[in-house]
């Protein structure tokens, strides 16, 4: 009994460290305990590894051995989402949901992405300092609601912006790691506030589903494709599943692309040599380059990859072991959460010399294996929207830099902190506009 307060303090310190400086805390624990190591938190204990061999073993394991971390993200994405599906049901849902997010269908959104990118920074006067993240969030959500729902009305887009931002803001990391707070408190507690924001978003999604079902033929947005999709038995997605898949697409897609784009602009304007080289690559394409040309630029792709290496949106990728499983001689008991730690692997100096430096050129001459670079996860549970996210990031970043010129704002380095299940800058990223709206 006497050890309980000490254990609670230990778990609290670890949870605080994971939320506010995951990279430093994970490296400190790996140095002290070796790899893999156990990370006790207020939620539960995790087995953590950053060793590329271990990561590859986890990603290549039998998918039926590696279950999703349902307790962590279920309140945010819903229990019917593909992210939390298991076994045959998971495979069926991925097959059903994949087509709208890959190949030619994905590239059809190129012009939407490019226009949204230019529009997000339109109206900033030369010499004006501005916050980057609100603009990249608006850009990302603009793309999402156009691609998923076919919406173009600014008022409708603004409603989604407000609802999605409220859901994300009301599910902070401290609430995610505190399951005992996931209960009503007379309508005034943090869980009550989060539930109200979730209901508001779900109501909007139901409205869009009803609108899509009543519309005449001719729609080619993602929602229309999902409504027409059928599984092997000819059955469509039931509405509860459809709601949670849409919720996942909107929340995950909005936060990840917006934050990564903000980090890319920050890193570039802290590194003038890298920015100059990228501008030299963009220069021949003019101020409004074609999305297909942007997606083929090697240095632009390397800049995006290096940003994702330094600022992974999810610091650890959690899996729950469904049955006893052996990792490098260690028996991982059924029910244990095992977590490839992106923050460890991506900062391993054996893989990435001078790992804290922003060096996109490292991705030009070397292609890391799936166990060495995994910003979107890996294996059978790799992010379903990874291809779309990567394409959007390249087209959006290239479109913004081709159209505008910015200066960085001097100040101390900006750290990343957890915000719910993802990370974001600990303080605002600010730039100064050098040019006005492109003609």
Foldseek 3Di string as FASTA:
>chain_A
DVCVVVVQVQQDVLLVCCFAPVLVVVVVCCVVPNPFDWRRHLQGIAGEGQPLVLQVCVQPPDQQQWFAPCLQCCVQLNCLELLHDGDPVNVQVLVQQQPCQDDPNLCVLLVVLLVLLLVLPAPADFQDKDFQLVSLLLSQLSSLCCQAQVDDDPVLSVQLSVLLVQLLQLQFSVNSRCVVQCDDDPCPGSNNSNVVSVVSNLVSVVVSLVVLVPDDPDDDHSNVSLQCTATPVRDGDPPVSSSSHSSCSNNVRSPQLSQLLSLLVLQCLVPVVLVVVVCVQLVVQALRHGLVSLLPRLLLLLSSQLSCLQFQFFQKRWIFGQAFDDRPNDTDHHRHIYINGSSSLSQPCVQPPVSNHRDSCVCVVDDDDCSRGQSQRHHPSRPSNPVSSSSSNRSSNSNNSSFFDKHFDDDDDWHWGGRRRTIHTPDTGMIGTRDHRGD
